PDB file of N, CA and C in Angstrom:
ATOM      1  N   MET A   1      75.569 -50.861 -67.594  1.00  0.00           N
ATOM      2  CA  MET A   1      76.697 -51.619 -67.100  1.00  0.00           C
ATOM      3  C   MET A   1      76.177 -52.783 -66.258  1.00  0.00           C
ATOM      4  N   ALA A   2      76.692 -53.937 -66.534  1.00  0.00           N
ATOM      5  CA  ALA A   2      76.264 -55.130 -65.800  1.00  0.00           C
ATOM      6  C   ALA A   2      76.956 -55.205 -64.453  1.00  0.00           C
ATOM      7  N   GLY A   3      76.378 -55.971 -63.567  1.00  0.00           N
ATOM      8  CA  GLY A   3      76.994 -56.174 -62.267  1.00  0.00           C
ATOM      9  C   GLY A   3      76.287 -55.427 -61.174  1.00  0.00           C
ATOM     10  N   LYS A   4      76.623 -55.805 -59.973  1.00  0.00           N
ATOM     11  CA  LYS A   4      76.010 -55.204 -58.786  1.00  0.00           C
ATOM     12  C   LYS A   4      77.033 -54.343 -58.062  1.00  0.00           C
ATOM     13  N   LEU A   5      76.529 -53.363 -57.357  1.00  0.00           N
ATOM     14  CA  LEU A   5      77.316 -52.446 -56.553  1.00  0.00           C
ATOM     15  C   LEU A   5      77.161 -52.835 -55.098  1.00  0.00           C
ATOM     16  N   HIS A   6      78.281 -52.979 -54.380  1.00  0.00           N
ATOM     17  CA  HIS A   6      78.172 -53.213 -52.944  1.00  0.00           C
ATOM     18  C   HIS A   6      77.964 -51.862 -52.271  1.00  0.00           C
ATOM     19  N   PHE A   7      76.881 -51.735 -51.482  1.00  0.00           N
ATOM     20  CA  PHE A   7      76.547 -50.485 -50.823  1.00  0.00           C
ATOM     21  C   PHE A   7      76.383 -50.710 -49.330  1.00  0.00           C
ATOM     22  N   SER A   8      76.962 -49.787 -48.566  1.00  0.00           N
ATOM     23  CA  SER A   8      76.844 -49.822 -47.109  1.00  0.00           C
ATOM     24  C   SER A   8      76.497 -48.426 -46.613  1.00  0.00           C
ATOM     25  N   LEU A   9      75.469 -48.325 -45.768  1.00  0.00           N
ATOM     26  CA  LEU A   9      75.065 -47.057 -45.146  1.00  0.00           C
ATOM     27  C   LEU A   9      75.198 -47.210 -43.648  1.00  0.00           C
ATOM     28  N   VAL A  10      76.035 -46.353 -43.055  1.00  0.00           N
ATOM     29  CA  VAL A  10      76.345 -46.454 -41.635  1.00  0.00           C
ATOM     30  C   VAL A  10      76.097 -45.103 -40.969  1.00  0.00           C
ATOM     31  N   SER A  11      75.427 -45.145 -39.811  1.00  0.00           N
ATOM     32  CA  SER A  11      75.264 -43.958 -38.972  1.00  0.00           C
ATOM     33  C   SER A  11      76.039 -44.220 -37.676  1.00  0.00           C
ATOM     34  N   PRO A  12      76.203 -43.209 -36.821  1.00  0.00           N
ATOM     35  CA  PRO A  12      76.915 -43.457 -35.566  1.00  0.00           C
ATOM     36  C   PRO A  12      76.250 -44.541 -34.705  1.00  0.00           C
ATOM     37  N   GLU A  13      74.940 -44.706 -34.832  1.00  0.00           N
ATOM     38  CA  GLU A  13      74.220 -45.676 -34.011  1.00  0.00           C
ATOM     39  C   GLU A  13      74.337 -47.109 -34.514  1.00  0.00           C
ATOM     40  N   ARG A  14      74.303 -47.275 -35.871  1.00  0.00           N
ATOM     41  CA  ARG A  14      74.263 -48.633 -36.419  1.00  0.00           C
ATOM     42  C   ARG A  14      74.432 -48.625 -37.931  1.00  0.00           C
ATOM     43  N   GLU A  15      74.624 -49.814 -38.487  1.00  0.00           N
ATOM     44  CA  GLU A  15      74.620 -49.984 -39.934  1.00  0.00           C
ATOM     45  C   GLU A  15      73.167 -50.152 -40.370  1.00  0.00           C
ATOM     46  N   LEU A  16      72.697 -49.260 -41.236  1.00  0.00           N
ATOM     47  CA  LEU A  16      71.307 -49.306 -41.681  1.00  0.00           C
ATOM     48  C   LEU A  16      71.106 -50.220 -42.887  1.00  0.00           C
ATOM     49  N   PHE A  17      72.157 -50.356 -43.722  1.00  0.00           N
ATOM     50  CA  PHE A  17      72.013 -51.181 -44.924  1.00  0.00           C
ATOM     51  C   PHE A  17      73.386 -51.674 -45.346  1.00  0.00           C
ATOM     52  N   SER A  18      73.428 -52.905 -45.820  1.00  0.00           N
ATOM     53  CA  SER A  18      74.628 -53.447 -46.451  1.00  0.00           C
ATOM     54  C   SER A  18      74.180 -54.530 -47.411  1.00  0.00           C
ATOM     55  N   GLY A  19      74.554 -54.393 -48.677  1.00  0.00           N
ATOM     56  CA  GLY A  19      74.178 -55.404 -49.642  1.00  0.00           C
ATOM     57  C   GLY A  19      74.526 -55.013 -51.056  1.00  0.00           C
ATOM     58  N   GLU A  20      74.196 -55.901 -51.981  1.00  0.00           N
ATOM     59  CA  GLU A  20      74.450 -55.714 -53.400  1.00  0.00           C
ATOM     60  C   GLU A  20      73.214 -55.106 -54.047  1.00  0.00           C
ATOM     61  N   VAL A  21      73.392 -53.988 -54.763  1.00  0.00           N
ATOM     62  CA  VAL A  21      72.273 -53.268 -55.375  1.00  0.00           C
ATOM     63  C   VAL A  21      72.639 -52.856 -56.801  1.00  0.00           C
ATOM     64  N   ASP A  22      71.645 -52.336 -57.521  1.00  0.00           N
ATOM     65  CA  ASP A  22      71.881 -51.868 -58.890  1.00  0.00           C
ATOM     66  C   ASP A  22      72.397 -50.437 -58.940  1.00  0.00           C
ATOM     67  N   GLN A  23      71.821 -49.564 -58.108  1.00  0.00           N
ATOM     68  CA  GLN A  23      72.169 -48.132 -58.164  1.00  0.00           C
ATOM     69  C   GLN A  23      71.848 -47.468 -56.844  1.00  0.00           C
ATOM     70  N   VAL A  24      72.636 -46.441 -56.501  1.00  0.00           N
ATOM     71  CA  VAL A  24      72.362 -45.601 -55.341  1.00  0.00           C
ATOM     72  C   VAL A  24      72.455 -44.144 -55.782  1.00  0.00           C
ATOM     73  N   ASP A  25      71.451 -43.346 -55.432  1.00  0.00           N
ATOM     74  CA  ASP A  25      71.453 -41.896 -55.666  1.00  0.00           C
ATOM     75  C   ASP A  25      71.587 -41.212 -54.316  1.00  0.00           C
ATOM     76  N   ALA A  26      72.433 -40.172 -54.249  1.00  0.00           N
ATOM     77  CA  ALA A  26      72.698 -39.517 -52.965  1.00  0.00           C
ATOM     78  C   ALA A  26      72.828 -38.008 -53.148  1.00  0.00           C
ATOM     79  N   PRO A  27      72.593 -37.249 -52.054  1.00  0.00           N
ATOM     80  CA  PRO A  27      72.653 -35.787 -52.111  1.00  0.00           C
ATOM     81  C   PRO A  27      74.035 -35.228 -51.763  1.00  0.00           C
ATOM     82  N   GLY A  28      74.890 -35.063 -52.747  1.00  0.00           N
ATOM     83  CA  GLY A  28      76.215 -34.499 -52.509  1.00  0.00           C
ATOM     84  C   GLY A  28      76.153 -32.995 -52.306  1.00  0.00           C
ATOM     85  N   THR A  29      77.094 -32.456 -51.555  1.00  0.00           N
ATOM     86  CA  THR A  29      77.104 -31.006 -51.332  1.00  0.00           C
ATOM     87  C   THR A  29      77.385 -30.225 -52.615  1.00  0.00           C
ATOM     88  N   GLU A  30      78.033 -30.871 -53.582  1.00  0.00           N
ATOM     89  CA  GLU A  30      78.314 -30.213 -54.860  1.00  0.00           C
ATOM     90  C   GLU A  30      77.326 -30.664 -55.937  1.00  0.00           C
ATOM     91  N   GLY A  31      76.264 -31.340 -55.535  1.00  0.00           N
ATOM     92  CA  GLY A  31      75.237 -31.796 -56.461  1.00  0.00           C
ATOM     93  C   GLY A  31      74.889 -33.248 -56.209  1.00  0.00           C
ATOM     94  N   ASP A  32      73.649 -33.599 -56.479  1.00  0.00           N
ATOM     95  CA  ASP A  32      73.209 -34.986 -56.315  1.00  0.00           C
ATOM     96  C   ASP A  32      73.960 -35.863 -57.310  1.00  0.00           C
ATOM     97  N   PHE A  33      74.173 -37.133 -56.941  1.00  0.00           N
ATOM     98  CA  PHE A  33      74.908 -38.034 -57.811  1.00  0.00           C
ATOM     99  C   PHE A  33      74.349 -39.439 -57.705  1.00  0.00           C
ATOM    100  N   GLY A  34      74.613 -40.231 -58.734  1.00  0.00           N
ATOM    101  CA  GLY A  34      74.229 -41.636 -58.764  1.00  0.00           C
ATOM    102  C   GLY A  34      75.456 -42.505 -58.961  1.00  0.00           C
ATOM    103  N   VAL A  35      75.430 -43.690 -58.366  1.00  0.00           N
ATOM    104  CA  VAL A  35      76.564 -44.612 -58.462  1.00  0.00           C
ATOM    105  C   VAL A  35      76.061 -45.976 -58.932  1.00  0.00           C
ATOM    106  N   LEU A  36      76.725 -46.507 -59.938  1.00  0.00           N
ATOM    107  CA  LEU A  36      76.485 -47.859 -60.457  1.00  0.00           C
ATOM    108  C   LEU A  36      77.751 -48.677 -60.249  1.00  0.00           C
ATOM    109  N   ALA A  37      77.667 -49.970 -60.446  1.00  0.00           N
ATOM    110  CA  ALA A  37      78.854 -50.826 -60.376  1.00  0.00           C
ATOM    111  C   ALA A  37      79.895 -50.325 -61.375  1.00  0.00           C
ATOM    112  N   GLY A  38      81.156 -50.322 -60.966  1.00  0.00           N
ATOM    113  CA  GLY A  38      82.230 -49.911 -61.858  1.00  0.00           C
ATOM    114  C   GLY A  38      82.457 -48.411 -61.914  1.00  0.00           C
ATOM    115  N   HIS A  39      81.794 -47.641 -61.053  1.00  0.00           N
ATOM    116  CA  HIS A  39      81.944 -46.181 -61.057  1.00  0.00           C
ATOM    117  C   HIS A  39      83.379 -45.801 -60.707  1.00  0.00           C
ATOM    118  N   ALA A  40      83.841 -44.694 -61.248  1.00  0.00           N
ATOM    119  CA  ALA A  40      85.172 -44.185 -60.925  1.00  0.00           C
ATOM    120  C   ALA A  40      85.234 -43.805 -59.447  1.00  0.00           C
ATOM    121  N   PRO A  41      86.349 -44.052 -58.790  1.00  0.00           N
ATOM    122  CA  PRO A  41      86.476 -43.721 -57.370  1.00  0.00           C
ATOM    123  C   PRO A  41      86.395 -42.202 -57.124  1.00  0.00           C
ATOM    124  N   PHE A  42      85.737 -41.837 -56.025  1.00  0.00           N
ATOM    125  CA  PHE A  42      85.725 -40.448 -55.566  1.00  0.00           C
ATOM    126  C   PHE A  42      85.208 -40.411 -54.140  1.00  0.00           C
ATOM    127  N   MET A  43      85.430 -39.278 -53.485  1.00  0.00           N
ATOM    128  CA  MET A  43      84.906 -39.065 -52.142  1.00  0.00           C
ATOM    129  C   MET A  43      84.285 -37.676 -52.112  1.00  0.00           C
ATOM    130  N   THR A  44      83.155 -37.541 -51.413  1.00  0.00           N
ATOM    131  CA  THR A  44      82.497 -36.249 -51.325  1.00  0.00           C
ATOM    132  C   THR A  44      81.757 -36.139 -49.999  1.00  0.00           C
ATOM    133  N   THR A  45      81.423 -34.915 -49.642  1.00  0.00           N
ATOM    134  CA  THR A  45      80.575 -34.688 -48.467  1.00  0.00           C
ATOM    135  C   THR A  45      79.117 -34.728 -48.906  1.00  0.00           C
ATOM    136  N   LEU A  46      78.250 -35.010 -47.945  1.00  0.00           N
ATOM    137  CA  LEU A  46      76.813 -35.068 -48.206  1.00  0.00           C
ATOM    138  C   LEU A  46      76.099 -33.921 -47.532  1.00  0.00           C
ATOM    139  N   LYS A  47      75.049 -33.440 -48.178  1.00  0.00           N
ATOM    140  CA  LYS A  47      74.146 -32.492 -47.545  1.00  0.00           C
ATOM    141  C   LYS A  47      72.936 -33.270 -47.045  1.00  0.00           C
ATOM    142  N   SER A  48      72.081 -32.623 -46.292  1.00  0.00           N
ATOM    143  CA  SER A  48      70.842 -33.268 -45.843  1.00  0.00           C
ATOM    144  C   SER A  48      69.980 -33.591 -47.048  1.00  0.00           C
ATOM    145  N   GLY A  49      69.399 -34.779 -47.058  1.00  0.00           N
ATOM    146  CA  GLY A  49      68.551 -35.175 -48.175  1.00  0.00           C
ATOM    147  C   GLY A  49      68.267 -36.657 -48.138  1.00  0.00           C
ATOM    148  N   ARG A  50      67.845 -37.174 -49.278  1.00  0.00           N
ATOM    149  CA  ARG A  50      67.413 -38.564 -49.380  1.00  0.00           C
ATOM    150  C   ARG A  50      68.385 -39.397 -50.196  1.00  0.00           C
ATOM    151  N   VAL A  51      68.739 -40.556 -49.660  1.00  0.00           N
ATOM    152  CA  VAL A  51      69.520 -41.552 -50.380  1.00  0.00           C
ATOM    153  C   VAL A  51      68.527 -42.587 -50.903  1.00  0.00           C
ATOM    154  N   LYS A  52      68.540 -42.820 -52.214  1.00  0.00           N
ATOM    155  CA  LYS A  52      67.659 -43.822 -52.824  1.00  0.00           C
ATOM    156  C   LYS A  52      68.484 -45.007 -53.281  1.00  0.00           C
ATOM    157  N   VAL A  53      68.020 -46.198 -52.906  1.00  0.00           N
ATOM    158  CA  VAL A  53      68.709 -47.437 -53.239  1.00  0.00           C
ATOM    159  C   VAL A  53      67.792 -48.237 -54.154  1.00  0.00           C
ATOM    160  N   MET A  54      68.278 -48.572 -55.359  1.00  0.00           N
ATOM    161  CA  MET A  54      67.485 -49.308 -56.323  1.00  0.00           C
ATOM    162  C   MET A  54      68.094 -50.667 -56.588  1.00  0.00           C
ATOM    163  N   ASP A  55      67.239 -51.691 -56.535  1.00  0.00           N
ATOM    164  CA  ASP A  55      67.670 -53.057 -56.817  1.00  0.00           C
ATOM    165  C   ASP A  55      66.526 -53.765 -57.507  1.00  0.00           C
ATOM    166  N   GLY A  56      66.663 -53.966 -58.806  1.00  0.00           N
ATOM    167  CA  GLY A  56      65.559 -54.528 -59.572  1.00  0.00           C
ATOM    168  C   GLY A  56      64.379 -53.569 -59.498  1.00  0.00           C
ATOM    169  N   GLY A  57      63.207 -54.067 -59.125  1.00  0.00           N
ATOM    170  CA  GLY A  57      62.033 -53.224 -58.965  1.00  0.00           C
ATOM    171  C   GLY A  57      61.876 -52.645 -57.563  1.00  0.00           C
ATOM    172  N   ARG A  58      62.780 -53.003 -56.674  1.00  0.00           N
ATOM    173  CA  ARG A  58      62.692 -52.564 -55.283  1.00  0.00           C
ATOM    174  C   ARG A  58      63.438 -51.243 -55.106  1.00  0.00           C
ATOM    175  N   VAL A  59      62.806 -50.299 -54.374  1.00  0.00           N
ATOM    176  CA  VAL A  59      63.430 -49.022 -54.060  1.00  0.00           C
ATOM    177  C   VAL A  59      63.337 -48.803 -52.556  1.00  0.00           C
ATOM    178  N   LEU A  60      64.473 -48.519 -51.937  1.00  0.00           N
ATOM    179  CA  LEU A  60      64.534 -48.163 -50.522  1.00  0.00           C
ATOM    180  C   LEU A  60      64.986 -46.721 -50.419  1.00  0.00           C
ATOM    181  N   ALA A  61      64.587 -46.047 -49.341  1.00  0.00           N
ATOM    182  CA  ALA A  61      64.981 -44.665 -49.145  1.00  0.00           C
ATOM    183  C   ALA A  61      65.429 -44.448 -47.704  1.00  0.00           C
ATOM    184  N   PHE A  62      66.419 -43.577 -47.559  1.00  0.00           N
ATOM    185  CA  PHE A  62      66.936 -43.191 -46.243  1.00  0.00           C
ATOM    186  C   PHE A  62      67.138 -41.686 -46.241  1.00  0.00           C
ATOM    187  N   ASP A  63      66.699 -41.031 -45.190  1.00  0.00           N
ATOM    188  CA  ASP A  63      66.954 -39.605 -45.030  1.00  0.00           C
ATOM    189  C   ASP A  63      68.231 -39.445 -44.230  1.00  0.00           C
ATOM    190  N   VAL A  64      69.173 -38.662 -44.780  1.00  0.00           N
ATOM    191  CA  VAL A  64      70.456 -38.457 -44.122  1.00  0.00           C
ATOM    192  C   VAL A  64      70.639 -36.984 -43.772  1.00  0.00           C
ATOM    193  N   GLU A  65      71.419 -36.748 -42.736  1.00  0.00           N
ATOM    194  CA  GLU A  65      71.783 -35.400 -42.307  1.00  0.00           C
ATOM    195  C   GLU A  65      73.298 -35.312 -42.355  1.00  0.00           C
ATOM    196  N   GLY A  66      73.853 -34.937 -43.490  1.00  0.00           N
ATOM    197  CA  GLY A  66      75.290 -34.770 -43.626  1.00  0.00           C
ATOM    198  C   GLY A  66      76.051 -36.070 -43.581  1.00  0.00           C
ATOM    199  N   GLY A  67      77.361 -35.960 -43.802  1.00  0.00           N
ATOM    200  CA  GLY A  67      78.226 -37.117 -43.765  1.00  0.00           C
ATOM    201  C   GLY A  67      79.151 -37.144 -44.962  1.00  0.00           C
ATOM    202  N   PHE A  68      79.641 -38.342 -45.278  1.00  0.00           N
ATOM    203  CA  PHE A  68      80.586 -38.543 -46.373  1.00  0.00           C
ATOM    204  C   PHE A  68      80.166 -39.742 -47.215  1.00  0.00           C
ATOM    205  N   ALA A  69      80.495 -39.686 -48.502  1.00  0.00           N
ATOM    206  CA  ALA A  69      80.311 -40.820 -49.409  1.00  0.00           C
ATOM    207  C   ALA A  69      81.669 -41.165 -50.005  1.00  0.00           C
ATOM    208  N   ASP A  70      82.009 -42.446 -50.018  1.00  0.00           N
ATOM    209  CA  ASP A  70      83.288 -42.906 -50.534  1.00  0.00           C
ATOM    210  C   ASP A  70      83.031 -44.014 -51.549  1.00  0.00           C
ATOM    211  N   VAL A  71      83.363 -43.726 -52.809  1.00  0.00           N
ATOM    212  CA  VAL A  71      83.232 -44.723 -53.879  1.00  0.00           C
ATOM    213  C   VAL A  71      84.618 -45.287 -54.147  1.00  0.00           C
ATOM    214  N   THR A  72      84.746 -46.604 -54.048  1.00  0.00           N
ATOM    215  CA  THR A  72      86.004 -47.303 -54.307  1.00  0.00           C
ATOM    216  C   THR A  72      85.713 -48.420 -55.307  1.00  0.00           C
ATOM    217  N   PRO A  73      86.744 -49.098 -55.787  1.00  0.00           N
ATOM    218  CA  PRO A  73      86.478 -50.252 -56.656  1.00  0.00           C
ATOM    219  C   PRO A  73      85.634 -51.329 -55.965  1.00  0.00           C
ATOM    220  N   GLU A  74      85.632 -51.358 -54.630  1.00  0.00           N
ATOM    221  CA  GLU A  74      84.849 -52.351 -53.882  1.00  0.00           C
ATOM    222  C   GLU A  74      83.387 -51.950 -53.726  1.00  0.00           C
ATOM    223  N   GLY A  75      83.037 -50.666 -53.931  1.00  0.00           N
ATOM    224  CA  GLY A  75      81.649 -50.240 -53.804  1.00  0.00           C
ATOM    225  C   GLY A  75      81.516 -48.852 -53.213  1.00  0.00           C
ATOM    226  N   LEU A  76      80.337 -48.570 -52.673  1.00  0.00           N
ATOM    227  CA  LEU A  76      80.001 -47.264 -52.099  1.00  0.00           C
ATOM    228  C   LEU A  76      79.723 -47.420 -50.615  1.00  0.00           C
ATOM    229  N   THR A  77      80.378 -46.585 -49.812  1.00  0.00           N
ATOM    230  CA  THR A  77      80.099 -46.522 -48.389  1.00  0.00           C
ATOM    231  C   THR A  77      79.673 -45.111 -48.056  1.00  0.00           C
ATOM    232  N   ILE A  78      78.542 -44.984 -47.373  1.00  0.00           N
ATOM    233  CA  ILE A  78      78.091 -43.688 -46.867  1.00  0.00           C
ATOM    234  C   ILE A  78      78.189 -43.732 -45.357  1.00  0.00           C
ATOM    235  N   LEU A  79      78.935 -42.768 -44.818  1.00  0.00           N
ATOM    236  CA  LEU A  79      79.030 -42.558 -43.375  1.00  0.00           C
ATOM    237  C   LEU A  79      78.215 -41.314 -43.071  1.00  0.00           C
ATOM    238  N   ALA A  80      77.003 -41.498 -42.563  1.00  0.00           N
ATOM    239  CA  ALA A  80      76.082 -40.398 -42.329  1.00  0.00           C
ATOM    240  C   ALA A  80      76.169 -39.904 -40.890  1.00  0.00           C
ATOM    241  N   GLU A  81      76.060 -38.592 -40.707  1.00  0.00           N
ATOM    242  CA  GLU A  81      76.018 -38.046 -39.352  1.00  0.00           C
ATOM    243  C   GLU A  81      74.749 -38.524 -38.635  1.00  0.00           C
ATOM    244  N   GLN A  82      73.646 -38.550 -39.385  1.00  0.00           N
ATOM    245  CA  GLN A  82      72.376 -39.119 -38.917  1.00  0.00           C
ATOM    246  C   GLN A  82      71.690 -39.735 -40.123  1.00  0.00           C
ATOM    247  N   ALA A  83      70.981 -40.842 -39.902  1.00  0.00           N
ATOM    248  CA  ALA A  83      70.258 -41.487 -40.998  1.00  0.00           C
ATOM    249  C   ALA A  83      69.098 -42.294 -40.436  1.00  0.00           C
ATOM    250  N   VAL A  84      67.969 -42.238 -41.137  1.00  0.00           N
ATOM    251  CA  VAL A  84      66.793 -43.042 -40.780  1.00  0.00           C
ATOM    252  C   VAL A  84      66.175 -43.558 -42.057  1.00  0.00           C
ATOM    253  N   GLU A  85      65.569 -44.748 -41.960  1.00  0.00           N
ATOM    254  CA  GLU A  85      64.848 -45.287 -43.111  1.00  0.00           C
ATOM    255  C   GLU A  85      63.615 -44.434 -43.339  1.00  0.00           C
ATOM    256  N   ALA A  86      63.265 -44.208 -44.613  1.00  0.00           N
ATOM    257  CA  ALA A  86      62.141 -43.349 -44.969  1.00  0.00           C
ATOM    258  C   ALA A  86      61.190 -44.089 -45.898  1.00  0.00           C
ATOM    259  N   ALA A  87      59.962 -43.644 -45.927  1.00  0.00           N
ATOM    260  CA  ALA A  87      58.977 -44.204 -46.876  1.00  0.00           C
ATOM    261  C   ALA A  87      59.329 -43.717 -48.274  1.00  0.00           C
ATOM    262  N   VAL A  88      59.126 -44.578 -49.265  1.00  0.00           N
ATOM    263  CA  VAL A  88      59.452 -44.225 -50.656  1.00  0.00           C
ATOM    264  C   VAL A  88      58.331 -43.398 -51.230  1.00  0.00           C
TER     265      VAL A  88
END
């Protein structure tokens, strides 16, 4: 699918990431999931794990401790209870 996904990762302390990306993989409590542009809307809780952000050849990673993921027609927002940038 063509197009970019708007992704935002927010923790209680600050916004860790906001931008247009190709894909985001996240650790849902009912199973890991990936989101691309145009994904069907849904909301889920997150378990502790790694969020991977892919954009072209670039990959970023963030370790999260719980929270929520909300996919809308505008993009994906993750509200994490705790989140830190991690080495890939």
